Amino acid sequence: MSFLWRYICSLALVAATYNPTDYSFFHWVRQAIAAGTVGPEHFLAGVVLLIGWAILIVATRSSLGTLGAILGAALFGAAVWLLYDLGWLESASVSAVTWIVLVCVAGLLAIGLCWAHIWRRITGQVDVVDGDR
C-alpha cells in the first residue's frame, strides 16, 4: 500500500509539471508568458515543483543508482512494448504516447522511493546511510 501512495504522489508531480491536457504548470506558464502576466504565483509554483522533483530524483538516484535507473527504464520500455504488441495499448495519438511515458516516469520515481524497502524484503539486508557524508 505504501508503494501505491508513493506512485500516486509521483504521478501527481509528473502530471502537474506537464501533461497533454491544458492543465499543467508548463501550459499555465506558457499562457502567462504569451499574455505578459507572469507573476510571483508562477515562480512559487515552479519552486514547489522543483523541490518535489529534487526530492524524487535524489531519492531515486541514491537508491537505484545510474545502472538501476537504466534497468528500470528498460523494464518499463519492455512492458510498454509487450502491452502494445498484445494490443492492450494504442499509440494512435501523441497524447496517448505522452500519458504512457508520464506513467512510466512516475513508476520509475516511485520504485526509486521504495527501493530500500523492496531490497530489505527481498534480501533481508538493511541499508544504512552514514550521516557524515
N, C-alpha and C. Protein backbone atom coordinates (compact mmCIF):
# COMPACT_ATOMS: atom_id res chain seq x y z
N MET A 1 0.82 -1.19 0.00
CA MET A 1 0.00 0.00 0.00
C MET A 1 0.87 1.26 0.00
N SER A 2 2.04 1.20 0.65
CA SER A 2 2.91 2.37 0.67
C SER A 2 3.43 2.67 -0.73
N PHE A 3 3.64 1.63 -1.55
CA PHE A 3 4.07 1.86 -2.93
C PHE A 3 3.01 2.63 -3.69
N LEU A 4 1.74 2.26 -3.47
CA LEU A 4 0.65 2.93 -4.17
C LEU A 4 0.62 4.42 -3.86
N TRP A 5 0.80 4.79 -2.59
CA TRP A 5 0.83 6.20 -2.22
C TRP A 5 2.02 6.92 -2.85
N ARG A 6 3.15 6.28 -2.85
CA ARG A 6 4.33 6.89 -3.46
C ARG A 6 4.14 7.04 -4.97
N TYR A 7 3.50 6.05 -5.58
CA TYR A 7 3.23 6.14 -7.01
C TYR A 7 2.24 7.27 -7.30
N ILE A 8 1.20 7.39 -6.51
CA ILE A 8 0.21 8.45 -6.71
C ILE A 8 0.87 9.83 -6.56
N CYS A 9 1.72 9.98 -5.56
CA CYS A 9 2.43 11.26 -5.38
C CYS A 9 3.37 11.54 -6.54
N SER A 10 4.08 10.52 -7.00
CA SER A 10 4.98 10.70 -8.14
C SER A 10 4.20 11.07 -9.40
N LEU A 11 3.10 10.39 -9.63
CA LEU A 11 2.27 10.68 -10.81
C LEU A 11 1.68 12.09 -10.71
N ALA A 12 1.28 12.50 -9.52
CA ALA A 12 0.74 13.85 -9.34
C ALA A 12 1.80 14.90 -9.69
N LEU A 13 3.03 14.68 -9.23
CA LEU A 13 4.10 15.64 -9.53
C LEU A 13 4.40 15.67 -11.02
N VAL A 14 4.51 14.52 -11.63
CA VAL A 14 4.82 14.44 -13.05
C VAL A 14 3.71 15.09 -13.88
N ALA A 15 2.46 14.77 -13.57
CA ALA A 15 1.33 15.30 -14.33
C ALA A 15 1.12 16.79 -14.05
N ALA A 16 1.42 17.24 -12.84
CA ALA A 16 1.28 18.66 -12.54
C ALA A 16 2.32 19.48 -13.30
N THR A 17 3.48 18.90 -13.53
CA THR A 17 4.53 19.60 -14.26
C THR A 17 4.19 19.70 -15.74
N TYR A 18 3.82 18.57 -16.34
CA TYR A 18 3.45 18.56 -17.75
C TYR A 18 2.53 17.38 -18.01
N ASN A 19 1.51 17.62 -18.80
CA ASN A 19 0.65 16.57 -19.32
C ASN A 19 0.03 17.07 -20.61
N PRO A 20 -0.55 16.20 -21.43
CA PRO A 20 -1.05 16.64 -22.73
C PRO A 20 -2.32 17.49 -22.68
N THR A 21 -2.97 17.58 -21.52
CA THR A 21 -4.11 18.48 -21.41
C THR A 21 -3.59 19.90 -21.22
N ASP A 22 -4.44 20.85 -21.14
CA ASP A 22 -4.00 22.23 -20.92
C ASP A 22 -3.91 22.58 -19.44
N TYR A 23 -3.96 21.59 -18.57
CA TYR A 23 -3.94 21.81 -17.12
C TYR A 23 -2.63 21.30 -16.52
N SER A 24 -1.57 22.04 -16.74
CA SER A 24 -0.27 21.70 -16.16
C SER A 24 0.51 22.98 -15.95
N PHE A 25 1.56 22.90 -15.16
CA PHE A 25 2.41 24.05 -14.91
C PHE A 25 2.99 24.58 -16.21
N PHE A 26 3.44 23.70 -17.05
CA PHE A 26 4.03 24.10 -18.33
C PHE A 26 3.06 24.95 -19.14
N HIS A 27 1.84 24.48 -19.29
CA HIS A 27 0.85 25.21 -20.08
C HIS A 27 0.45 26.53 -19.40
N TRP A 28 0.35 26.51 -18.08
CA TRP A 28 -0.02 27.69 -17.32
C TRP A 28 1.01 28.79 -17.50
N VAL A 29 2.29 28.43 -17.39
CA VAL A 29 3.36 29.42 -17.55
C VAL A 29 3.45 29.88 -19.00
N ARG A 30 3.30 28.97 -19.92
CA ARG A 30 3.36 29.34 -21.35
C ARG A 30 2.26 30.35 -21.69
N GLN A 31 1.06 30.14 -21.17
CA GLN A 31 -0.04 31.08 -21.41
C GLN A 31 0.24 32.43 -20.74
N ALA A 32 0.84 32.39 -19.54
CA ALA A 32 1.16 33.63 -18.83
C ALA A 32 2.24 34.41 -19.56
N ILE A 33 3.23 33.72 -20.10
CA ILE A 33 4.28 34.40 -20.86
C ILE A 33 3.69 35.05 -22.11
N ALA A 34 2.82 34.32 -22.80
CA ALA A 34 2.19 34.87 -24.01
C ALA A 34 1.35 36.10 -23.69
N ALA A 35 0.70 36.10 -22.53
CA ALA A 35 -0.14 37.23 -22.14
C ALA A 35 0.64 38.32 -21.41
N GLY A 36 1.88 38.04 -21.06
CA GLY A 36 2.70 39.01 -20.33
C GLY A 36 2.28 39.18 -18.88
N THR A 37 1.76 38.11 -18.27
CA THR A 37 1.24 38.20 -16.90
C THR A 37 1.96 37.26 -15.93
N VAL A 38 3.21 36.96 -16.22
CA VAL A 38 3.97 36.09 -15.32
C VAL A 38 4.17 36.82 -13.99
N GLY A 39 3.86 36.14 -12.90
CA GLY A 39 3.97 36.78 -11.60
C GLY A 39 4.55 35.87 -10.55
N PRO A 40 4.49 36.29 -9.29
CA PRO A 40 5.09 35.51 -8.21
C PRO A 40 4.41 34.16 -7.99
N GLU A 41 3.13 34.05 -8.35
CA GLU A 41 2.45 32.76 -8.19
C GLU A 41 3.06 31.70 -9.11
N HIS A 42 3.51 32.11 -10.28
CA HIS A 42 4.17 31.19 -11.20
C HIS A 42 5.53 30.76 -10.63
N PHE A 43 6.25 31.73 -10.09
CA PHE A 43 7.55 31.43 -9.50
C PHE A 43 7.41 30.50 -8.31
N LEU A 44 6.43 30.78 -7.43
CA LEU A 44 6.21 29.94 -6.24
C LEU A 44 5.84 28.51 -6.65
N ALA A 45 4.93 28.37 -7.59
CA ALA A 45 4.53 27.03 -8.04
C ALA A 45 5.71 26.31 -8.67
N GLY A 46 6.53 27.04 -9.44
CA GLY A 46 7.71 26.43 -10.05
C GLY A 46 8.71 25.95 -9.02
N VAL A 47 8.92 26.74 -7.97
CA VAL A 47 9.85 26.34 -6.92
C VAL A 47 9.33 25.12 -6.17
N VAL A 48 8.03 25.08 -5.90
CA VAL A 48 7.44 23.92 -5.21
C VAL A 48 7.61 22.66 -6.07
N LEU A 49 7.35 22.77 -7.37
CA LEU A 49 7.54 21.62 -8.25
C LEU A 49 9.02 21.23 -8.32
N LEU A 50 9.90 22.20 -8.38
CA LEU A 50 11.33 21.91 -8.42
C LEU A 50 11.79 21.19 -7.16
N ILE A 51 11.28 21.59 -6.02
CA ILE A 51 11.60 20.90 -4.76
C ILE A 51 11.11 19.45 -4.82
N GLY A 52 9.90 19.25 -5.31
CA GLY A 52 9.37 17.89 -5.43
C GLY A 52 10.22 17.04 -6.36
N TRP A 53 10.60 17.60 -7.51
CA TRP A 53 11.46 16.87 -8.45
C TRP A 53 12.81 16.57 -7.83
N ALA A 54 13.37 17.53 -7.11
CA ALA A 54 14.68 17.31 -6.49
C ALA A 54 14.61 16.16 -5.49
N ILE A 55 13.57 16.14 -4.68
CA ILE A 55 13.41 15.07 -3.69
C ILE A 55 13.31 13.72 -4.39
N LEU A 56 12.46 13.62 -5.40
CA LEU A 56 12.26 12.33 -6.07
C LEU A 56 13.49 11.89 -6.85
N ILE A 57 14.14 12.81 -7.53
CA ILE A 57 15.31 12.43 -8.32
C ILE A 57 16.48 12.04 -7.43
N VAL A 58 16.71 12.81 -6.37
CA VAL A 58 17.81 12.47 -5.46
C VAL A 58 17.55 11.12 -4.78
N ALA A 59 16.31 10.89 -4.35
CA ALA A 59 15.98 9.61 -3.70
C ALA A 59 16.14 8.45 -4.69
N THR A 60 15.68 8.64 -5.91
CA THR A 60 15.79 7.59 -6.92
C THR A 60 17.25 7.33 -7.29
N ARG A 61 18.01 8.39 -7.48
CA ARG A 61 19.41 8.22 -7.84
C ARG A 61 20.20 7.57 -6.70
N SER A 62 19.88 7.97 -5.48
CA SER A 62 20.60 7.42 -4.35
C SER A 62 20.25 5.95 -4.11
N SER A 63 19.00 5.57 -4.35
CA SER A 63 18.62 4.18 -4.08
C SER A 63 18.89 3.25 -5.26
N LEU A 64 18.64 3.71 -6.47
CA LEU A 64 18.82 2.84 -7.63
C LEU A 64 20.18 3.00 -8.30
N GLY A 65 20.73 4.19 -8.27
CA GLY A 65 21.96 4.46 -9.00
C GLY A 65 21.67 4.58 -10.49
N THR A 66 22.70 4.87 -11.24
CA THR A 66 22.53 5.05 -12.68
C THR A 66 22.15 3.75 -13.37
N LEU A 67 22.83 2.68 -13.04
CA LEU A 67 22.53 1.39 -13.66
C LEU A 67 21.12 0.94 -13.32
N GLY A 68 20.71 1.10 -12.07
CA GLY A 68 19.36 0.72 -11.66
C GLY A 68 18.30 1.53 -12.38
N ALA A 69 18.55 2.82 -12.56
CA ALA A 69 17.59 3.67 -13.28
C ALA A 69 17.50 3.25 -14.74
N ILE A 70 18.64 2.92 -15.34
CA ILE A 70 18.63 2.46 -16.73
C ILE A 70 17.89 1.13 -16.85
N LEU A 71 18.15 0.22 -15.92
CA LEU A 71 17.45 -1.07 -15.94
C LEU A 71 15.95 -0.89 -15.70
N GLY A 72 15.60 0.02 -14.80
CA GLY A 72 14.18 0.30 -14.55
C GLY A 72 13.50 0.88 -15.78
N ALA A 73 14.17 1.81 -16.46
CA ALA A 73 13.62 2.37 -17.69
C ALA A 73 13.48 1.29 -18.76
N ALA A 74 14.48 0.39 -18.84
CA ALA A 74 14.40 -0.71 -19.80
C ALA A 74 13.24 -1.64 -19.47
N LEU A 75 13.01 -1.88 -18.18
CA LEU A 75 11.88 -2.72 -17.76
C LEU A 75 10.55 -2.09 -18.18
N PHE A 76 10.39 -0.80 -17.92
CA PHE A 76 9.16 -0.12 -18.32
C PHE A 76 9.02 -0.11 -19.84
N GLY A 77 10.12 0.12 -20.55
CA GLY A 77 10.07 0.10 -22.01
C GLY A 77 9.65 -1.26 -22.54
N ALA A 78 10.19 -2.33 -21.96
CA ALA A 78 9.82 -3.68 -22.38
C ALA A 78 8.36 -3.97 -22.07
N ALA A 79 7.89 -3.51 -20.91
CA ALA A 79 6.48 -3.72 -20.54
C ALA A 79 5.55 -2.99 -21.50
N VAL A 80 5.89 -1.75 -21.84
CA VAL A 80 5.07 -0.99 -22.79
C VAL A 80 5.07 -1.67 -24.16
N TRP A 81 6.24 -2.12 -24.58
CA TRP A 81 6.35 -2.81 -25.86
C TRP A 81 5.47 -4.06 -25.87
N LEU A 82 5.52 -4.84 -24.79
CA LEU A 82 4.70 -6.05 -24.69
C LEU A 82 3.21 -5.71 -24.72
N LEU A 83 2.79 -4.72 -23.94
CA LEU A 83 1.38 -4.34 -23.90
C LEU A 83 0.91 -3.81 -25.26
N TYR A 84 1.78 -3.09 -25.95
CA TYR A 84 1.47 -2.61 -27.29
C TYR A 84 1.36 -3.79 -28.26
N ASP A 85 2.28 -4.74 -28.15
CA ASP A 85 2.28 -5.90 -29.03
C ASP A 85 1.04 -6.78 -28.82
N LEU A 86 0.57 -6.85 -27.56
CA LEU A 86 -0.63 -7.62 -27.25
C LEU A 86 -1.92 -6.88 -27.64
N GLY A 87 -1.78 -5.61 -28.01
CA GLY A 87 -2.95 -4.83 -28.40
C GLY A 87 -3.65 -4.15 -27.25
N TRP A 88 -3.05 -4.14 -26.08
CA TRP A 88 -3.67 -3.52 -24.90
C TRP A 88 -3.42 -2.03 -24.84
N LEU A 89 -2.38 -1.55 -25.53
CA LEU A 89 -2.08 -0.13 -25.59
C LEU A 89 -2.16 0.33 -27.03
N GLU A 90 -2.62 1.54 -27.22
CA GLU A 90 -2.70 2.14 -28.54
C GLU A 90 -1.77 3.35 -28.58
N SER A 91 -1.12 3.53 -29.70
CA SER A 91 -0.26 4.70 -29.88
C SER A 91 -0.77 5.54 -31.04
N ALA A 92 -2.10 5.66 -31.11
CA ALA A 92 -2.71 6.36 -32.24
C ALA A 92 -2.52 7.87 -32.15
N SER A 93 -2.22 8.39 -30.97
CA SER A 93 -2.08 9.84 -30.83
C SER A 93 -0.86 10.18 -29.99
N VAL A 94 -0.40 11.39 -30.17
CA VAL A 94 0.71 11.88 -29.36
C VAL A 94 0.30 11.95 -27.90
N SER A 95 -0.94 12.29 -27.65
CA SER A 95 -1.44 12.39 -26.28
C SER A 95 -1.37 11.03 -25.57
N ALA A 96 -1.74 9.98 -26.25
CA ALA A 96 -1.69 8.64 -25.64
C ALA A 96 -0.26 8.24 -25.32
N VAL A 97 0.65 8.50 -26.23
CA VAL A 97 2.06 8.16 -26.01
C VAL A 97 2.62 8.99 -24.85
N THR A 98 2.24 10.27 -24.79
CA THR A 98 2.70 11.13 -23.72
C THR A 98 2.24 10.60 -22.37
N TRP A 99 0.98 10.20 -22.25
CA TRP A 99 0.49 9.65 -20.99
C TRP A 99 1.22 8.37 -20.61
N ILE A 100 1.51 7.52 -21.60
CA ILE A 100 2.25 6.29 -21.33
C ILE A 100 3.64 6.62 -20.76
N VAL A 101 4.31 7.59 -21.35
CA VAL A 101 5.64 7.99 -20.87
C VAL A 101 5.53 8.58 -19.46
N LEU A 102 4.54 9.42 -19.21
CA LEU A 102 4.37 10.03 -17.89
C LEU A 102 4.10 8.97 -16.82
N VAL A 103 3.29 7.99 -17.13
CA VAL A 103 3.00 6.91 -16.18
C VAL A 103 4.28 6.11 -15.90
N CYS A 104 5.08 5.87 -16.92
CA CYS A 104 6.34 5.13 -16.72
C CYS A 104 7.35 5.93 -15.90
N VAL A 105 7.46 7.22 -16.15
CA VAL A 105 8.38 8.06 -15.37
C VAL A 105 7.94 8.07 -13.90
N ALA A 106 6.65 8.21 -13.67
CA ALA A 106 6.14 8.19 -12.29
C ALA A 106 6.41 6.84 -11.64
N GLY A 107 6.27 5.76 -12.40
CA GLY A 107 6.56 4.43 -11.86
C GLY A 107 8.02 4.27 -11.49
N LEU A 108 8.90 4.76 -12.33
CA LEU A 108 10.34 4.68 -12.03
C LEU A 108 10.69 5.50 -10.79
N LEU A 109 10.11 6.68 -10.66
CA LEU A 109 10.35 7.50 -9.47
C LEU A 109 9.80 6.84 -8.21
N ALA A 110 8.63 6.22 -8.32
CA ALA A 110 8.04 5.54 -7.16
C ALA A 110 8.88 4.34 -6.74
N ILE A 111 9.41 3.61 -7.71
CA ILE A 111 10.30 2.49 -7.39
C ILE A 111 11.55 3.01 -6.70
N GLY A 112 12.08 4.13 -7.18
CA GLY A 112 13.24 4.73 -6.53
C GLY A 112 12.97 5.12 -5.09
N LEU A 113 11.75 5.61 -4.82
CA LEU A 113 11.39 5.97 -3.45
C LEU A 113 11.25 4.74 -2.55
N CYS A 114 10.82 3.63 -3.12
CA CYS A 114 10.54 2.42 -2.33
C CYS A 114 11.66 1.40 -2.34
N TRP A 115 12.71 1.63 -3.12
CA TRP A 115 13.68 0.59 -3.35
C TRP A 115 14.32 0.05 -2.08
N ALA A 116 14.59 0.89 -1.10
CA ALA A 116 15.21 0.41 0.14
C ALA A 116 14.28 -0.58 0.84
N HIS A 117 12.98 -0.31 0.83
CA HIS A 117 12.01 -1.22 1.45
C HIS A 117 11.92 -2.53 0.67
N ILE A 118 11.90 -2.41 -0.67
CA ILE A 118 11.84 -3.61 -1.51
C ILE A 118 13.09 -4.45 -1.31
N TRP A 119 14.25 -3.81 -1.31
CA TRP A 119 15.53 -4.51 -1.13
C TRP A 119 15.56 -5.25 0.21
N ARG A 120 15.09 -4.58 1.25
CA ARG A 120 15.10 -5.19 2.59
C ARG A 120 14.20 -6.42 2.61
N ARG A 121 13.05 -6.36 1.97
CA ARG A 121 12.14 -7.51 1.96
C ARG A 121 12.68 -8.66 1.12
N ILE A 122 13.34 -8.35 0.01
CA ILE A 122 13.87 -9.40 -0.86
C ILE A 122 15.06 -10.09 -0.21
N THR A 123 15.99 -9.30 0.33
CA THR A 123 17.26 -9.86 0.80
C THR A 123 17.39 -9.98 2.31
N GLY A 124 16.61 -9.21 3.02
CA GLY A 124 16.76 -9.18 4.47
C GLY A 124 17.85 -8.24 4.93
N GLN A 125 18.54 -7.60 3.99
CA GLN A 125 19.61 -6.66 4.32
C GLN A 125 19.04 -5.26 4.52
N VAL A 126 19.61 -4.55 5.45
CA VAL A 126 19.20 -3.18 5.73
C VAL A 126 20.31 -2.25 5.27
N ASP A 127 19.95 -1.21 4.50
CA ASP A 127 20.93 -0.22 4.08
C ASP A 127 21.02 0.86 5.15
N VAL A 128 22.23 1.22 5.50
CA VAL A 128 22.45 2.29 6.48
C VAL A 128 23.26 3.37 5.79
N VAL A 129 22.77 4.60 5.88
CA VAL A 129 23.46 5.72 5.28
C VAL A 129 24.17 6.48 6.39
N ASP A 130 25.45 6.73 6.17
CA ASP A 130 26.25 7.47 7.14
C ASP A 130 25.89 8.94 7.04
N GLY A 131 25.54 9.55 8.14
CA GLY A 131 25.11 10.95 8.15
C GLY A 131 26.25 11.94 8.02
N ASP A 132 27.50 11.48 8.03
CA ASP A 132 28.66 12.38 7.97
C ASP A 132 29.21 12.56 6.56
N ARG A 133 28.41 12.32 5.54
CA ARG A 133 28.91 12.42 4.17
C ARG A 133 29.42 13.76 3.87
